[in-house]
Amino acid sequence: MSVDAAADRDASGWIALHYAIAYHAPPRLLERLLLAHPDGARQRAGAGPLARLPLHLALARGASADTVSSLLAAYPAAARDDADTDVPDNSHSRIQPRRSSVLMAAVLADDSTLVRMLLEAQADPNSRSDRAPHASCAMVAAERRNRAVLYQLLASGADAFARDDDGRTVLEVIPKLVHEEGQAV
């Protein structure tokens, strides 16, 4: 594949890498696309305030750990929250950009392998949901009763005292978890 073909955008603003991710192409094809167009991992799918990095697209589409690993290797900064908050904010637009972290997507997928990979790539363990009640990743993991992910987040520096919009902390959710499951966290 030529660099030009891998880098060409269609009318929707997508490149070949975006389609490969969206349609769960084999990891080998993703690697070839990234070899042909290394900057592809930095190219947003779409245009305007809702454009997303390939890593966000991959997590939203339930990509494999191999796919996420390839994307992180090509563009490690995508794991950090600030990598997806530079989408232009068109104040006159009625559509507001979503600013969800890739780490939150992995937490919501209940995937401890992806959470570990993203934390190793310097994802912020204190990132929050972009929707009310703006809970932290640790709060979401506790509410979802995912001990493995919760432990990873806390061990990586997640703030157990951070409050969501309802004023709750992770430490307030954990006793409910212990009471319901009858096991210590």
Protein backbone atom coordinates (compact mmCIF):
# COMPACT_ATOMS: atom_id res chain seq x y z
CA MET A 1 0.00 0.00 0.00
CA SER A 2 1.30 3.40 -0.85
CA VAL A 3 1.67 6.14 1.72
CA ASP A 4 -0.74 8.27 -0.31
CA ALA A 5 -3.47 5.62 -0.25
CA ALA A 6 -3.07 5.09 3.51
CA ALA A 7 -3.17 8.84 4.17
CA ASP A 8 -6.01 9.80 1.83
CA ARG A 9 -9.16 11.02 3.57
CA ASP A 10 -12.60 10.24 2.22
CA ALA A 11 -15.59 12.61 2.24
CA SER A 12 -16.25 11.72 5.90
CA GLY A 13 -12.71 12.62 6.93
CA TRP A 14 -11.67 9.02 7.55
CA ILE A 15 -8.46 7.34 6.42
CA ALA A 16 -7.91 3.62 5.81
CA LEU A 17 -6.73 3.09 9.41
CA HIS A 18 -10.05 4.38 10.77
CA TYR A 19 -12.00 1.89 8.64
CA ALA A 20 -9.67 -0.95 9.59
CA ILE A 21 -10.32 -0.21 13.27
CA ALA A 22 -14.08 0.25 12.82
CA TYR A 23 -14.42 -3.07 11.00
CA HIS A 24 -12.07 -5.05 13.27
CA ALA A 25 -9.39 -5.73 10.69
CA PRO A 26 -6.68 -8.21 11.70
CA PRO A 27 -3.80 -6.67 13.69
CA ARG A 28 -1.40 -7.44 10.83
CA LEU A 29 -3.35 -5.14 8.51
CA LEU A 30 -3.33 -2.37 11.13
CA GLU A 31 0.43 -2.74 11.48
CA ARG A 32 0.84 -2.47 7.70
CA LEU A 33 -1.31 0.64 7.58
CA LEU A 34 0.73 2.19 10.40
CA LEU A 35 3.97 1.30 8.59
CA ALA A 36 2.69 2.90 5.40
CA HIS A 37 1.39 5.99 7.22
CA PRO A 38 2.96 6.30 10.71
CA ASP A 39 1.10 9.54 11.41
CA GLY A 40 -2.18 7.70 10.94
CA ALA A 41 -2.40 7.10 14.70
CA ARG A 42 -2.52 10.90 15.14
CA GLN A 43 -5.17 11.50 12.49
CA ARG A 44 -8.68 12.10 13.81
CA ALA A 45 -11.63 10.22 12.36
CA GLY A 46 -14.13 12.71 11.02
CA ALA A 47 -14.02 16.44 11.26
CA GLY A 48 -15.08 19.18 13.60
CA PRO A 49 -15.78 18.95 17.32
CA LEU A 50 -16.64 15.25 17.31
CA ALA A 51 -13.47 14.04 15.58
CA ARG A 52 -11.71 11.22 17.46
CA LEU A 53 -8.23 9.76 17.55
CA PRO A 54 -7.85 6.16 16.32
CA LEU A 55 -7.22 4.98 19.89
CA HIS A 56 -10.59 6.41 21.00
CA LEU A 57 -12.27 4.81 18.00
CA ALA A 58 -10.63 1.47 18.79
CA LEU A 59 -11.78 1.48 22.40
CA ALA A 60 -15.29 2.55 21.43
CA ARG A 61 -15.48 -0.33 18.95
CA GLY A 62 -14.20 -2.97 21.39
CA ALA A 63 -10.81 -3.43 19.75
CA SER A 64 -8.41 -6.13 20.86
CA ALA A 65 -5.42 -5.54 23.11
CA ASP A 66 -3.21 -6.10 20.03
CA THR A 67 -4.91 -3.23 18.21
CA VAL A 68 -4.62 -0.92 21.21
CA SER A 69 -0.97 -1.89 21.65
CA SER A 70 -0.18 -1.08 18.00
CA LEU A 71 -1.89 2.31 18.27
CA LEU A 72 -0.14 3.14 21.54
CA ALA A 73 3.22 2.17 20.04
CA ALA A 74 2.59 4.51 17.11
CA TYR A 75 1.28 7.41 19.22
CA PRO A 76 1.79 6.95 23.00
CA ALA A 77 0.47 10.44 23.80
CA ALA A 78 -3.02 9.30 22.77
CA ALA A 79 -3.32 7.63 26.20
CA ARG A 80 -3.16 10.96 28.01
CA ASP A 81 -6.34 12.94 28.48
CA ASP A 82 -4.88 16.03 26.86
CA ALA A 83 -4.38 14.09 23.65
CA ASP A 84 -8.10 14.31 22.96
CA THR A 85 -9.02 17.66 24.44
CA ASP A 86 -7.56 19.81 21.71
CA VAL A 87 -10.60 19.40 19.48
CA PRO A 88 -11.66 22.88 18.41
CA ASP A 89 -14.63 24.14 20.40
CA ASN A 90 -17.02 25.86 18.03
CA SER A 91 -19.02 27.95 20.47
CA HIS A 92 -21.64 28.62 17.79
CA SER A 93 -22.17 24.89 17.25
CA ARG A 94 -25.07 23.17 19.02
CA ILE A 95 -23.05 19.95 19.17
CA GLN A 96 -20.60 20.03 22.05
CA PRO A 97 -17.48 17.90 21.74
CA ARG A 98 -17.20 14.88 24.01
CA ARG A 99 -14.01 14.84 25.99
CA SER A 100 -13.95 11.36 27.42
CA SER A 101 -10.65 9.74 28.27
CA VAL A 102 -9.46 6.54 26.69
CA LEU A 103 -8.93 5.20 30.20
CA MET A 104 -12.62 5.68 30.99
CA ALA A 105 -13.49 3.72 27.85
CA ALA A 106 -11.31 0.82 29.05
CA VAL A 107 -12.84 1.00 32.55
CA LEU A 108 -16.34 0.90 31.04
CA ALA A 109 -15.28 -2.13 29.00
CA ASP A 110 -14.24 -3.85 32.26
CA ASP A 111 -10.94 -4.72 30.59
CA SER A 112 -8.08 -4.83 33.09
CA THR A 113 -5.54 -5.58 30.35
CA LEU A 114 -6.41 -2.41 28.46
CA VAL A 115 -6.49 -0.41 31.70
CA ARG A 116 -2.98 -1.65 32.53
CA MET A 117 -1.70 -0.81 29.04
CA LEU A 118 -3.14 2.70 29.18
CA LEU A 119 -1.82 3.36 32.69
CA GLU A 120 1.63 2.22 31.55
CA ALA A 121 1.31 4.73 28.69
CA GLN A 122 0.73 7.50 31.26
CA ALA A 123 -3.07 7.73 31.12
CA ASP A 124 -4.36 9.85 33.99
CA PRO A 125 -5.81 7.54 36.68
CA ASN A 126 -7.90 10.49 37.92
CA SER A 127 -9.65 11.18 34.62
CA ARG A 128 -13.40 11.61 34.83
CA SER A 129 -16.46 10.75 32.85
CA ASP A 130 -17.58 13.40 30.40
CA ARG A 131 -21.17 12.86 31.51
CA ALA A 132 -22.89 13.65 34.79
CA PRO A 133 -22.21 12.80 37.54
CA HIS A 134 -18.64 13.20 36.22
CA ALA A 135 -17.39 10.23 38.19
CA SER A 136 -13.73 9.30 38.28
CA CYS A 137 -12.48 6.11 36.65
CA ALA A 138 -12.04 4.59 40.11
CA MET A 139 -15.64 5.45 41.04
CA VAL A 140 -16.92 3.83 37.86
CA ALA A 141 -14.80 0.71 38.48
CA ALA A 142 -16.14 0.47 42.05
CA GLU A 143 -19.74 0.92 40.90
CA ARG A 144 -19.23 -1.77 38.25
CA ARG A 145 -17.78 -4.04 40.97
CA ASN A 146 -14.58 -4.54 39.00
CA ARG A 147 -12.02 -5.15 41.72
CA ALA A 148 -9.09 -5.79 39.37
CA VAL A 149 -9.56 -2.47 37.57
CA LEU A 150 -10.21 -0.62 40.84
CA TYR A 151 -6.98 -1.99 42.36
CA GLN A 152 -5.00 -1.00 39.24
CA LEU A 153 -6.35 2.54 39.34
CA LEU A 154 -5.74 3.01 43.06
CA ALA A 155 -2.23 1.54 42.77
CA SER A 156 -1.53 4.01 39.94
CA GLY A 157 -2.49 7.02 42.02
CA ALA A 158 -6.25 7.39 41.57
CA ASP A 159 -7.66 9.68 44.25
CA ALA A 160 -10.02 7.65 46.46
CA PHE A 161 -11.28 10.91 47.99
CA ALA A 162 -12.27 12.60 44.70
CA ARG A 163 -15.95 13.48 44.69
CA ASP A 164 -18.41 13.13 41.84
CA ASP A 165 -21.18 15.67 41.20
CA ASP A 166 -23.33 13.90 43.81
CA GLY A 167 -20.59 14.36 46.45
CA ARG A 168 -19.72 10.66 46.67
CA THR A 169 -16.19 9.26 46.88
CA VAL A 170 -14.82 5.83 46.01
CA LEU A 171 -14.47 5.18 49.73
CA GLU A 172 -18.21 5.64 50.10
CA VAL A 173 -19.00 3.17 47.33
CA ILE A 174 -16.62 0.45 48.58
CA PRO A 175 -18.60 -0.32 51.79
CA LYS A 176 -21.69 -0.90 49.64
CA LEU A 177 -19.62 -3.24 47.51
CA VAL A 178 -18.42 -5.12 50.60
CA HIS A 179 -21.95 -5.32 52.03
CA GLU A 180 -23.46 -6.61 48.78
CA GLU A 181 -20.74 -9.14 48.04
CA GLY A 182 -19.73 -10.02 51.60
CA GLN A 183 -16.03 -9.74 50.80
CA ALA A 184 -13.46 -7.16 51.76
CA VAL A 185 -12.07 -4.94 49.05
